Amino acid sequence: MGEDRRREAVSEREQMSLLQDRLEKIAADLEKSQMAEYVELLNRPFKLIWRNLMVGVARGIGSVIGFAFFATAILYVLQSLGQLNLPIIGDYIADLVRIVQIQLDGKQY
C-alpha cells in the first residue's frame, strides 16, 4: 500500500507541474494578446471614441495624400501622351489636361 501511495503522490506532483506549466503558458498568451488594454478601453468609452476618431482622421488624411499622388501621376502621364501628338487621343488628352489645369488655377472653363 505504501508503494501505491508514493506512486499516486508522484503522479499528483507531475499533474500539478503540468497544470502549472499550462497555466503559465496561458498567462503568457493572455499577456501577449494585450487583453488588459482591450478591457480597459471597453471600460472607458470616451477614450475608445477618441482613439477611433484619431484613427479615422489619419486614414482620411492618408487617403487624400494618396489620391493627390495618384492624380498627379495620372496627370503627368496624360501630359506626356499629349505631347506625343497622337492623332485622336492627343487632342482628347490635351483638352482634358487643359481643363484640369484651368480648374487648378481656379478659373472657370
PDB file of N, CA and C in Angstrom:
ATOM      1  N   MET A   1       0.805  -1.191   0.000  1.00  0.00           N
ATOM      2  CA  MET A   1       0.000   0.000   0.000  1.00  0.00           C
ATOM      3  C   MET A   1       0.850   1.258   0.000  1.00  0.00           C
ATOM      4  N   GLY A   2       1.952   1.254   0.703  1.00  0.00           N
ATOM      5  CA  GLY A   2       2.814   2.421   0.777  1.00  0.00           C
ATOM      6  C   GLY A   2       3.376   2.763  -0.592  1.00  0.00           C
ATOM      7  N   GLU A   3       3.650   1.733  -1.394  1.00  0.00           N
ATOM      8  CA  GLU A   3       4.167   1.926  -2.756  1.00  0.00           C
ATOM      9  C   GLU A   3       3.134   2.615  -3.631  1.00  0.00           C
ATOM     10  N   ASP A   4       1.879   2.226  -3.527  1.00  0.00           N
ATOM     11  CA  ASP A   4       0.802   2.831  -4.321  1.00  0.00           C
ATOM     12  C   ASP A   4       0.616   4.301  -3.974  1.00  0.00           C
ATOM     13  N   ARG A   5       0.715   4.602  -2.684  1.00  0.00           N
ATOM     14  CA  ARG A   5       0.547   5.999  -2.272  1.00  0.00           C
ATOM     15  C   ARG A   5       1.683   6.857  -2.804  1.00  0.00           C
ATOM     16  N   ARG A   6       2.898   6.306  -2.805  1.00  0.00           N
ATOM     17  CA  ARG A   6       4.031   7.064  -3.350  1.00  0.00           C
ATOM     18  C   ARG A   6       3.844   7.319  -4.840  1.00  0.00           C
ATOM     19  N   ARG A   7       3.377   6.316  -5.559  1.00  0.00           N
ATOM     20  CA  ARG A   7       3.129   6.489  -6.998  1.00  0.00           C
ATOM     21  C   ARG A   7       2.052   7.543  -7.237  1.00  0.00           C
ATOM     22  N   GLU A   8       0.984   7.482  -6.430  1.00  0.00           N
ATOM     23  CA  GLU A   8      -0.085   8.465  -6.563  1.00  0.00           C
ATOM     24  C   GLU A   8       0.432   9.872  -6.250  1.00  0.00           C
ATOM     25  N   ALA A   9       1.287   9.979  -5.229  1.00  0.00           N
ATOM     26  CA  ALA A   9       1.837  11.279  -4.852  1.00  0.00           C
ATOM     27  C   ALA A   9       2.728  11.812  -5.979  1.00  0.00           C
ATOM     28  N   VAL A  10       3.545  10.937  -6.557  1.00  0.00           N
ATOM     29  CA  VAL A  10       4.399  11.355  -7.672  1.00  0.00           C
ATOM     30  C   VAL A  10       3.531  11.730  -8.863  1.00  0.00           C
ATOM     31  N   SER A  11       2.514  10.962  -9.140  1.00  0.00           N
ATOM     32  CA  SER A  11       1.612  11.245 -10.243  1.00  0.00           C
ATOM     33  C   SER A  11       0.891  12.578 -10.029  1.00  0.00           C
ATOM     34  N   GLU A  12       0.457  12.830  -8.801  1.00  0.00           N
ATOM     35  CA  GLU A  12      -0.199  14.097  -8.498  1.00  0.00           C
ATOM     36  C   GLU A  12       0.767  15.263  -8.675  1.00  0.00           C
ATOM     37  N   ARG A  13       2.019  15.088  -8.250  1.00  0.00           N
ATOM     38  CA  ARG A  13       3.023  16.142  -8.416  1.00  0.00           C
ATOM     39  C   ARG A  13       3.270  16.427  -9.897  1.00  0.00           C
ATOM     40  N   GLU A  14       3.354  15.361 -10.687  1.00  0.00           N
ATOM     41  CA  GLU A  14       3.564  15.537 -12.129  1.00  0.00           C
ATOM     42  C   GLU A  14       2.377  16.271 -12.754  1.00  0.00           C
ATOM     43  N   GLN A  15       1.173  15.883 -12.355  1.00  0.00           N
ATOM     44  CA  GLN A  15      -0.014  16.543 -12.865  1.00  0.00           C
ATOM     45  C   GLN A  15      -0.049  18.008 -12.449  1.00  0.00           C
ATOM     46  N   MET A  16       0.312  18.291 -11.208  1.00  0.00           N
ATOM     47  CA  MET A  16       0.349  19.673 -10.736  1.00  0.00           C
ATOM     48  C   MET A  16       1.400  20.473 -11.497  1.00  0.00           C
ATOM     49  N   SER A  17       2.543  19.840 -11.759  1.00  0.00           N
ATOM     50  CA  SER A  17       3.604  20.510 -12.503  1.00  0.00           C
ATOM     51  C   SER A  17       3.149  20.803 -13.934  1.00  0.00           C
ATOM     52  N   LEU A  18       2.495  19.839 -14.565  1.00  0.00           N
ATOM     53  CA  LEU A  18       1.975  20.044 -15.918  1.00  0.00           C
ATOM     54  C   LEU A  18       0.896  21.129 -15.928  1.00  0.00           C
ATOM     55  N   LEU A  19       0.040  21.099 -14.916  1.00  0.00           N
ATOM     56  CA  LEU A  19      -1.015  22.102 -14.815  1.00  0.00           C
ATOM     57  C   LEU A  19      -0.431  23.496 -14.600  1.00  0.00           C
ATOM     58  N   GLN A  20       0.584  23.584 -13.769  1.00  0.00           N
ATOM     59  CA  GLN A  20       1.230  24.873 -13.527  1.00  0.00           C
ATOM     60  C   GLN A  20       1.904  25.383 -14.802  1.00  0.00           C
ATOM     61  N   ASP A  21       2.571  24.507 -15.545  1.00  0.00           N
ATOM     62  CA  ASP A  21       3.194  24.906 -16.810  1.00  0.00           C
ATOM     63  C   ASP A  21       2.145  25.404 -17.803  1.00  0.00           C
ATOM     64  N   ARG A  22       1.039  24.697 -17.844  1.00  0.00           N
ATOM     65  CA  ARG A  22      -0.044  25.086 -18.754  1.00  0.00           C
ATOM     66  C   ARG A  22      -0.633  26.452 -18.373  1.00  0.00           C
ATOM     67  N   LEU A  23      -0.828  26.672 -17.076  1.00  0.00           N
ATOM     68  CA  LEU A  23      -1.350  27.951 -16.608  1.00  0.00           C
ATOM     69  C   LEU A  23      -0.372  29.092 -16.915  1.00  0.00           C
ATOM     70  N   GLU A  24       0.908  28.845 -16.771  1.00  0.00           N
ATOM     71  CA  GLU A  24       1.902  29.868 -17.088  1.00  0.00           C
ATOM     72  C   GLU A  24       1.886  30.188 -18.575  1.00  0.00           C
ATOM     73  N   LYS A  25       1.698  29.155 -19.404  1.00  0.00           N
ATOM     74  CA  LYS A  25       1.621  29.390 -20.849  1.00  0.00           C
ATOM     75  C   LYS A  25       0.376  30.200 -21.193  1.00  0.00           C
ATOM     76  N   ILE A  26      -0.742  29.888 -20.562  1.00  0.00           N
ATOM     77  CA  ILE A  26      -1.978  30.646 -20.807  1.00  0.00           C
ATOM     78  C   ILE A  26      -1.812  32.095 -20.360  1.00  0.00           C
ATOM     79  N   ALA A  27      -1.185  32.303 -19.218  1.00  0.00           N
ATOM     80  CA  ALA A  27      -0.960  33.664 -18.723  1.00  0.00           C
ATOM     81  C   ALA A  27      -0.060  34.444 -19.690  1.00  0.00           C
ATOM     82  N   ALA A  28       0.969  33.791 -20.208  1.00  0.00           N
ATOM     83  CA  ALA A  28       1.860  34.458 -21.163  1.00  0.00           C
ATOM     84  C   ALA A  28       1.116  34.792 -22.456  1.00  0.00           C
ATOM     85  N   ASP A  29       0.268  33.873 -22.904  1.00  0.00           N
ATOM     86  CA  ASP A  29      -0.513  34.130 -24.126  1.00  0.00           C
ATOM     87  C   ASP A  29      -1.481  35.294 -23.931  1.00  0.00           C
ATOM     88  N   LEU A  30      -2.115  35.367 -22.769  1.00  0.00           N
ATOM     89  CA  LEU A  30      -3.024  36.480 -22.479  1.00  0.00           C
ATOM     90  C   LEU A  30      -2.262  37.801 -22.429  1.00  0.00           C
ATOM     91  N   GLU A  31      -1.067  37.769 -21.882  1.00  0.00           N
ATOM     92  CA  GLU A  31      -0.258  38.986 -21.826  1.00  0.00           C
ATOM     93  C   GLU A  31       0.135  39.431 -23.235  1.00  0.00           C
ATOM     94  N   LYS A  32       0.449  38.480 -24.094  1.00  0.00           N
ATOM     95  CA  LYS A  32       0.802  38.810 -25.480  1.00  0.00           C
ATOM     96  C   LYS A  32      -0.391  39.401 -26.227  1.00  0.00           C
ATOM     97  N   SER A  33      -1.581  38.928 -25.929  1.00  0.00           N
ATOM     98  CA  SER A  33      -2.770  39.408 -26.639  1.00  0.00           C
ATOM     99  C   SER A  33      -3.233  40.771 -26.142  1.00  0.00           C
ATOM    100  N   GLN A  34      -2.612  41.283 -25.103  1.00  0.00           N
ATOM    101  CA  GLN A  34      -2.931  42.594 -24.536  1.00  0.00           C
ATOM    102  C   GLN A  34      -4.416  42.706 -24.181  1.00  0.00           C
ATOM    103  N   MET A  35      -4.924  41.685 -23.582  1.00  0.00           N
ATOM    104  CA  MET A  35      -6.334  41.641 -23.200  1.00  0.00           C
ATOM    105  C   MET A  35      -6.662  42.718 -22.167  1.00  0.00           C
ATOM    106  N   ALA A  36      -5.714  43.009 -21.269  1.00  0.00           N
ATOM    107  CA  ALA A  36      -5.977  44.008 -20.228  1.00  0.00           C
ATOM    108  C   ALA A  36      -6.201  45.384 -20.845  1.00  0.00           C
ATOM    109  N   GLU A  37      -5.399  45.733 -21.845  1.00  0.00           N
ATOM    110  CA  GLU A  37      -5.564  47.023 -22.503  1.00  0.00           C
ATOM    111  C   GLU A  37      -6.905  47.105 -23.223  1.00  0.00           C
ATOM    112  N   TYR A  38      -7.314  46.003 -23.830  1.00  0.00           N
ATOM    113  CA  TYR A  38      -8.602  45.966 -24.524  1.00  0.00           C
ATOM    114  C   TYR A  38      -9.754  46.161 -23.542  1.00  0.00           C
ATOM    115  N   VAL A  39      -9.690  45.470 -22.416  1.00  0.00           N
ATOM    116  CA  VAL A  39     -10.749  45.597 -21.404  1.00  0.00           C
ATOM    117  C   VAL A  39     -10.765  47.017 -20.847  1.00  0.00           C
ATOM    118  N   GLU A  40      -9.580  47.616 -20.670  1.00  0.00           N
ATOM    119  CA  GLU A  40      -9.515  48.997 -20.184  1.00  0.00           C
ATOM    120  C   GLU A  40     -10.182  49.947 -21.174  1.00  0.00           C
ATOM    121  N   LEU A  41      -9.959  49.728 -22.470  1.00  0.00           N
ATOM    122  CA  LEU A  41     -10.613  50.556 -23.482  1.00  0.00           C
ATOM    123  C   LEU A  41     -12.133  50.393 -23.442  1.00  0.00           C
ATOM    124  N   LEU A  42     -12.592  49.174 -23.231  1.00  0.00           N
ATOM    125  CA  LEU A  42     -14.031  48.947 -23.168  1.00  0.00           C
ATOM    126  C   LEU A  42     -14.652  49.605 -21.944  1.00  0.00           C
ATOM    127  N   ASN A  43     -13.880  49.724 -20.877  1.00  0.00           N
ATOM    128  CA  ASN A  43     -14.387  50.357 -19.664  1.00  0.00           C
ATOM    129  C   ASN A  43     -14.334  51.883 -19.742  1.00  0.00           C
ATOM    130  N   ARG A  44     -13.612  52.434 -20.706  1.00  0.00           N
ATOM    131  CA  ARG A  44     -13.517  53.879 -20.905  1.00  0.00           C
ATOM    132  C   ARG A  44     -13.984  54.216 -22.319  1.00  0.00           C
ATOM    133  N   PRO A  45     -15.290  54.373 -22.513  1.00  0.00           N
ATOM    134  CA  PRO A  45     -15.798  54.567 -23.870  1.00  0.00           C
ATOM    135  C   PRO A  45     -15.321  55.860 -24.526  1.00  0.00           C
ATOM    136  N   PHE A  46     -15.112  56.918 -23.757  1.00  0.00           N
ATOM    137  CA  PHE A  46     -14.651  58.170 -24.368  1.00  0.00           C
ATOM    138  C   PHE A  46     -13.233  58.041 -24.904  1.00  0.00           C
ATOM    139  N   LYS A  47     -12.404  57.284 -24.206  1.00  0.00           N
ATOM    140  CA  LYS A  47     -11.044  57.036 -24.686  1.00  0.00           C
ATOM    141  C   LYS A  47     -11.090  56.212 -25.978  1.00  0.00           C
ATOM    142  N   LEU A  48     -11.992  55.248 -26.026  1.00  0.00           N
ATOM    143  CA  LEU A  48     -12.159  54.433 -27.229  1.00  0.00           C
ATOM    144  C   LEU A  48     -12.658  55.283 -28.391  1.00  0.00           C
ATOM    145  N   ILE A  49     -13.623  56.157 -28.126  1.00  0.00           N
ATOM    146  CA  ILE A  49     -14.151  57.032 -29.179  1.00  0.00           C
ATOM    147  C   ILE A  49     -13.056  57.972 -29.679  1.00  0.00           C
ATOM    148  N   TRP A  50     -12.291  58.559 -28.754  1.00  0.00           N
ATOM    149  CA  TRP A  50     -11.217  59.484 -29.134  1.00  0.00           C
ATOM    150  C   TRP A  50     -10.179  58.769 -30.006  1.00  0.00           C
ATOM    151  N   ARG A  51      -9.790  57.560 -29.600  1.00  0.00           N
ATOM    152  CA  ARG A  51      -8.782  56.818 -30.368  1.00  0.00           C
ATOM    153  C   ARG A  51      -9.307  56.485 -31.763  1.00  0.00           C
ATOM    154  N   ASN A  52     -10.571  56.055 -31.845  1.00  0.00           N
ATOM    155  CA  ASN A  52     -11.149  55.735 -33.152  1.00  0.00           C
ATOM    156  C   ASN A  52     -11.293  56.990 -34.015  1.00  0.00           C
ATOM    157  N   LEU A  53     -11.591  58.125 -33.398  1.00  0.00           N
ATOM    158  CA  LEU A  53     -11.682  59.379 -34.139  1.00  0.00           C
ATOM    159  C   LEU A  53     -10.323  59.744 -34.737  1.00  0.00           C
ATOM    160  N   MET A  54      -9.279  59.616 -33.953  1.00  0.00           N
ATOM    161  CA  MET A  54      -7.933  59.939 -34.442  1.00  0.00           C
ATOM    162  C   MET A  54      -7.501  58.981 -35.558  1.00  0.00           C
ATOM    163  N   VAL A  55      -7.862  57.722 -35.419  1.00  0.00           N
ATOM    164  CA  VAL A  55      -7.537  56.756 -36.471  1.00  0.00           C
ATOM    165  C   VAL A  55      -8.291  57.108 -37.754  1.00  0.00           C
ATOM    166  N   GLY A  56      -9.548  57.509 -37.625  1.00  0.00           N
ATOM    167  CA  GLY A  56     -10.333  57.905 -38.793  1.00  0.00           C
ATOM    168  C   GLY A  56      -9.764  59.134 -39.472  1.00  0.00           C
ATOM    169  N   VAL A  57      -9.343  60.119 -38.689  1.00  0.00           N
ATOM    170  CA  VAL A  57      -8.737  61.327 -39.261  1.00  0.00           C
ATOM    171  C   VAL A  57      -7.445  60.973 -39.989  1.00  0.00           C
ATOM    172  N   ALA A  58      -6.630  60.134 -39.376  1.00  0.00           N
ATOM    173  CA  ALA A  58      -5.368  59.733 -40.003  1.00  0.00           C
ATOM    174  C   ALA A  58      -5.622  58.982 -41.307  1.00  0.00           C
ATOM    175  N   ARG A  59      -6.609  58.113 -41.329  1.00  0.00           N
ATOM    176  CA  ARG A  59      -6.930  57.396 -42.566  1.00  0.00           C
ATOM    177  C   ARG A  59      -7.435  58.350 -43.645  1.00  0.00           C
ATOM    178  N   GLY A  60      -8.250  59.325 -43.239  1.00  0.00           N
ATOM    179  CA  GLY A  60      -8.760  60.300 -44.200  1.00  0.00           C
ATOM    180  C   GLY A  60      -7.645  61.127 -44.808  1.00  0.00           C
ATOM    181  N   ILE A  61      -6.739  61.606 -43.971  1.00  0.00           N
ATOM    182  CA  ILE A  61      -5.612  62.393 -44.477  1.00  0.00           C
ATOM    183  C   ILE A  61      -4.732  61.532 -45.377  1.00  0.00           C
ATOM    184  N   GLY A  62      -4.514  60.298 -44.985  1.00  0.00           N
ATOM    185  CA  GLY A  62      -3.714  59.389 -45.812  1.00  0.00           C
ATOM    186  C   GLY A  62      -4.358  59.130 -47.159  1.00  0.00           C
ATOM    187  N   SER A  63      -5.674  59.005 -47.166  1.00  0.00           N
ATOM    188  CA  SER A  63      -6.386  58.791 -48.431  1.00  0.00           C
ATOM    189  C   SER A  63      -6.260  60.008 -49.342  1.00  0.00           C
ATOM    190  N   VAL A  64      -6.375  61.200 -48.759  1.00  0.00           N
ATOM    191  CA  VAL A  64      -6.267  62.423 -49.558  1.00  0.00           C
ATOM    192  C   VAL A  64      -4.869  62.553 -50.144  1.00  0.00           C
ATOM    193  N   ILE A  65      -3.862  62.303 -49.331  1.00  0.00           N
ATOM    194  CA  ILE A  65      -2.483  62.396 -49.822  1.00  0.00           C
ATOM    195  C   ILE A  65      -2.235  61.343 -50.896  1.00  0.00           C
ATOM    196  N   GLY A  66      -2.720  60.131 -50.679  1.00  0.00           N
ATOM    197  CA  GLY A  66      -2.556  59.077 -51.679  1.00  0.00           C
ATOM    198  C   GLY A  66      -3.252  59.409 -52.980  1.00  0.00           C
ATOM    199  N   PHE A  67      -4.469  59.940 -52.892  1.00  0.00           N
ATOM    200  CA  PHE A  67      -5.189  60.329 -54.108  1.00  0.00           C
ATOM    201  C   PHE A  67      -4.467  61.452 -54.830  1.00  0.00           C
ATOM    202  N   ALA A  68      -3.896  62.391 -54.079  1.00  0.00           N
ATOM    203  CA  ALA A  68      -3.171  63.502 -54.704  1.00  0.00           C
ATOM    204  C   ALA A  68      -1.968  62.983 -55.493  1.00  0.00           C
ATOM    205  N   PHE A  69      -1.220  62.044 -54.907  1.00  0.00           N
ATOM    206  CA  PHE A  69      -0.078  61.465 -55.632  1.00  0.00           C
ATOM    207  C   PHE A  69      -0.549  60.711 -56.872  1.00  0.00           C
ATOM    208  N   PHE A  70      -1.623  59.953 -56.709  1.00  0.00           N
ATOM    209  CA  PHE A  70      -2.149  59.182 -57.836  1.00  0.00           C
ATOM    210  C   PHE A  70      -2.630  60.108 -58.950  1.00  0.00           C
ATOM    211  N   ALA A  71      -3.374  61.146 -58.601  1.00  0.00           N
ATOM    212  CA  ALA A  71      -3.875  62.082 -59.612  1.00  0.00           C
ATOM    213  C   ALA A  71      -2.733  62.818 -60.289  1.00  0.00           C
ATOM    214  N   THR A  72      -1.710  63.182 -59.529  1.00  0.00           N
ATOM    215  CA  THR A  72      -0.543  63.845 -60.111  1.00  0.00           C
ATOM    216  C   THR A  72       0.156  62.931 -61.109  1.00  0.00           C
ATOM    217  N   ALA A  73       0.306  61.672 -60.761  1.00  0.00           N
ATOM    218  CA  ALA A  73       0.952  60.725 -61.672  1.00  0.00           C
ATOM    219  C   ALA A  73       0.125  60.554 -62.943  1.00  0.00           C
ATOM    220  N   ILE A  74      -1.182  60.435 -62.804  1.00  0.00           N
ATOM    221  CA  ILE A  74      -2.042  60.292 -63.986  1.00  0.00           C
ATOM    222  C   ILE A  74      -1.962  61.543 -64.852  1.00  0.00           C
ATOM    223  N   LEU A  75      -1.993  62.710 -64.233  1.00  0.00           N
ATOM    224  CA  LEU A  75      -1.898  63.965 -64.981  1.00  0.00           C
ATOM    225  C   LEU A  75      -0.567  64.069 -65.716  1.00  0.00           C
ATOM    226  N   TYR A  76       0.495  63.644 -65.071  1.00  0.00           N
ATOM    227  CA  TYR A  76       1.816  63.661 -65.706  1.00  0.00           C
ATOM    228  C   TYR A  76       1.842  62.734 -66.924  1.00  0.00           C
ATOM    229  N   VAL A  77       1.274  61.548 -66.779  1.00  0.00           N
ATOM    230  CA  VAL A  77       1.229  60.596 -67.898  1.00  0.00           C
ATOM    231  C   VAL A  77       0.384  61.160 -69.029  1.00  0.00           C
ATOM    232  N   LEU A  78      -0.752  61.772 -68.692  1.00  0.00           N
ATOM    233  CA  LEU A  78      -1.601  62.354 -69.731  1.00  0.00           C
ATOM    234  C   LEU A  78      -0.898  63.507 -70.450  1.00  0.00           C
ATOM    235  N   GLN A  79      -0.147  64.321 -69.723  1.00  0.00           N
ATOM    236  CA  GLN A  79       0.609  65.395 -70.366  1.00  0.00           C
ATOM    237  C   GLN A  79       1.662  64.825 -71.302  1.00  0.00           C
ATOM    238  N   SER A  80       2.318  63.765 -70.862  1.00  0.00           N
ATOM    239  CA  SER A  80       3.333  63.135 -71.715  1.00  0.00           C
ATOM    240  C   SER A  80       2.699  62.570 -72.979  1.00  0.00           C
ATOM    241  N   LEU A  81       1.527  61.949 -72.848  1.00  0.00           N
ATOM    242  CA  LEU A  81       0.835  61.418 -74.023  1.00  0.00           C
ATOM    243  C   LEU A  81       0.348  62.553 -74.923  1.00  0.00           C
ATOM    244  N   GLY A  82      -0.037  63.666 -74.330  1.00  0.00           N
ATOM    245  CA  GLY A  82      -0.497  64.802 -75.112  1.00  0.00           C
ATOM    246  C   GLY A  82       0.619  65.418 -75.946  1.00  0.00           C
ATOM    247  N   GLN A  83       1.826  65.355 -75.467  1.00  0.00           N
ATOM    248  CA  GLN A  83       2.961  65.916 -76.192  1.00  0.00           C
ATOM    249  C   GLN A  83       3.394  65.036 -77.363  1.00  0.00           C
ATOM    250  N   LEU A  84       2.920  63.814 -77.388  1.00  0.00           N
ATOM    251  CA  LEU A  84       3.292  62.906 -78.489  1.00  0.00           C
ATOM    252  C   LEU A  84       2.521  63.216 -79.771  1.00  0.00           C
ATOM    253  N   ASN A  85       1.496  64.046 -79.660  1.00  0.00           N
ATOM    254  CA  ASN A  85       0.674  64.433 -80.815  1.00  0.00           C
ATOM    255  C   ASN A  85       0.079  63.222 -81.530  1.00  0.00           C
ATOM    256  N   LEU A  86      -0.496  62.347 -80.769  1.00  0.00           N
ATOM    257  CA  LEU A  86      -1.212  61.227 -81.363  1.00  0.00           C
ATOM    258  C   LEU A  86      -2.485  61.782 -82.003  1.00  0.00           C
ATOM    259  N   PRO A  87      -2.915  61.258 -83.137  1.00  0.00           N
ATOM    260  CA  PRO A  87      -3.991  61.871 -83.908  1.00  0.00           C
ATOM    261  C   PRO A  87      -5.274  62.146 -83.121  1.00  0.00           C
ATOM    262  N   ILE A  88      -5.939  61.156 -82.617  1.00  0.00           N
ATOM    263  CA  ILE A  88      -7.229  61.354 -81.952  1.00  0.00           C
ATOM    264  C   ILE A  88      -7.039  61.468 -80.445  1.00  0.00           C
ATOM    265  N   ILE A  89      -6.238  60.602 -79.915  1.00  0.00           N
ATOM    266  CA  ILE A  89      -6.059  60.550 -78.467  1.00  0.00           C
ATOM    267  C   ILE A  89      -5.348  61.806 -77.972  1.00  0.00           C
ATOM    268  N   GLY A  90      -4.414  62.330 -78.745  1.00  0.00           N
ATOM    269  CA  GLY A  90      -3.649  63.504 -78.328  1.00  0.00           C
ATOM    270  C   GLY A  90      -4.536  64.718 -78.103  1.00  0.00           C
ATOM    271  N   ASP A  91      -5.489  64.965 -79.012  1.00  0.00           N
ATOM    272  CA  ASP A  91      -6.377  66.112 -78.852  1.00  0.00           C
ATOM    273  C   ASP A  91      -7.273  65.949 -77.621  1.00  0.00           C
ATOM    274  N   TYR A  92      -7.779  64.739 -77.438  1.00  0.00           N
ATOM    275  CA  TYR A  92      -8.643  64.481 -76.284  1.00  0.00           C
ATOM    276  C   TYR A  92      -7.864  64.681 -74.988  1.00  0.00           C
ATOM    277  N   ILE A  93      -6.653  64.137 -74.930  1.00  0.00           N
ATOM    278  CA  ILE A  93      -5.832  64.252 -73.721  1.00  0.00           C
ATOM    279  C   ILE A  93      -5.433  65.703 -73.485  1.00  0.00           C
ATOM    280  N   ALA A  94      -5.103  66.420 -74.563  1.00  0.00           N
ATOM    281  CA  ALA A  94      -4.730  67.830 -74.418  1.00  0.00           C
ATOM    282  C   ALA A  94      -5.898  68.640 -73.858  1.00  0.00           C
ATOM    283  N   ASP A  95      -7.105  68.379 -74.332  1.00  0.00           N
ATOM    284  CA  ASP A  95      -8.277  69.069 -73.796  1.00  0.00           C
ATOM    285  C   ASP A  95      -8.491  68.732 -72.319  1.00  0.00           C
ATOM    286  N   LEU A  96      -8.324  67.472 -71.997  1.00  0.00           N
ATOM    287  CA  LEU A  96      -8.509  67.035 -70.623  1.00  0.00           C
ATOM    288  C   LEU A  96      -7.476  67.685 -69.701  1.00  0.00           C
ATOM    289  N   VAL A  97      -6.225  67.730 -70.121  1.00  0.00           N
ATOM    290  CA  VAL A  97      -5.177  68.355 -69.317  1.00  0.00           C
ATOM    291  C   VAL A  97      -5.445  69.848 -69.184  1.00  0.00           C
ATOM    292  N   ARG A  98      -5.887  70.481 -70.242  1.00  0.00           N
ATOM    293  CA  ARG A  98      -6.191  71.907 -70.211  1.00  0.00           C
ATOM    294  C   ARG A  98      -7.320  72.198 -69.218  1.00  0.00           C
ATOM    295  N   ILE A  99      -8.341  71.370 -69.221  1.00  0.00           N
ATOM    296  CA  ILE A  99      -9.461  71.547 -68.289  1.00  0.00           C
ATOM    297  C   ILE A  99      -8.988  71.395 -66.843  1.00  0.00           C
ATOM    298  N   VAL A 100      -8.158  70.392 -66.600  1.00  0.00           N
ATOM    299  CA  VAL A 100      -7.657  70.171 -65.242  1.00  0.00           C
ATOM    300  C   VAL A 100      -6.793  71.342 -64.798  1.00  0.00           C
ATOM    301  N   GLN A 101      -5.946  71.837 -65.674  1.00  0.00           N
ATOM    302  CA  GLN A 101      -5.082  72.963 -65.308  1.00  0.00           C
ATOM    303  C   GLN A 101      -5.909  74.225 -65.037  1.00  0.00           C
ATOM    304  N   ILE A 102      -6.940  74.438 -65.816  1.00  0.00           N
ATOM    305  CA  ILE A 102      -7.805  75.601 -65.576  1.00  0.00           C
ATOM    306  C   ILE A 102      -8.505  75.473 -64.233  1.00  0.00           C
ATOM    307  N   GLN A 103      -8.977  74.287 -63.902  1.00  0.00           N
ATOM    308  CA  GLN A 103      -9.624  74.064 -62.604  1.00  0.00           C
ATOM    309  C   GLN A 103      -8.639  74.253 -61.453  1.00  0.00           C
ATOM    310  N   LEU A 104      -7.392  73.831 -61.659  1.00  0.00           N
ATOM    311  CA  LEU A 104      -6.385  74.010 -60.614  1.00  0.00           C
ATOM    312  C   LEU A 104      -6.047  75.484 -60.404  1.00  0.00           C
ATOM    313  N   ASP A 105      -6.093  76.255 -61.467  1.00  0.00           N
ATOM    314  CA  ASP A 105      -5.815  77.692 -61.349  1.00  0.00           C
ATOM    315  C   ASP A 105      -7.001  78.445 -60.751  1.00  0.00           C
ATOM    316  N   GLY A 106      -8.165  77.818 -60.685  1.00  0.00           N
ATOM    317  CA  GLY A 106      -9.340  78.431 -60.084  1.00  0.00           C
ATOM    318  C   GLY A 106     -10.167  79.258 -61.049  1.00  0.00           C
ATOM    319  N   LYS A 107      -9.938  79.087 -62.315  1.00  0.00           N
ATOM    320  CA  LYS A 107     -10.686  79.837 -63.321  1.00  0.00           C
ATOM    321  C   LYS A 107     -11.861  78.993 -63.802  1.00  0.00           C
ATOM    322  N   GLN A 108     -12.826  79.660 -64.400  1.00  0.00           N
ATOM    323  CA  GLN A 108     -13.965  78.973 -64.990  1.00  0.00           C
ATOM    324  C   GLN A 108     -13.616  78.543 -66.409  1.00  0.00           C
ATOM    325  N   TYR A 109     -14.137  77.400 -66.821  1.00  0.00           N
ATOM    326  CA  TYR A 109     -13.883  76.917 -68.180  1.00  0.00           C
ATOM    327  C   TYR A 109     -14.808  77.569 -69.139  1.00  0.00           C
TER     328      TYR A 109
END
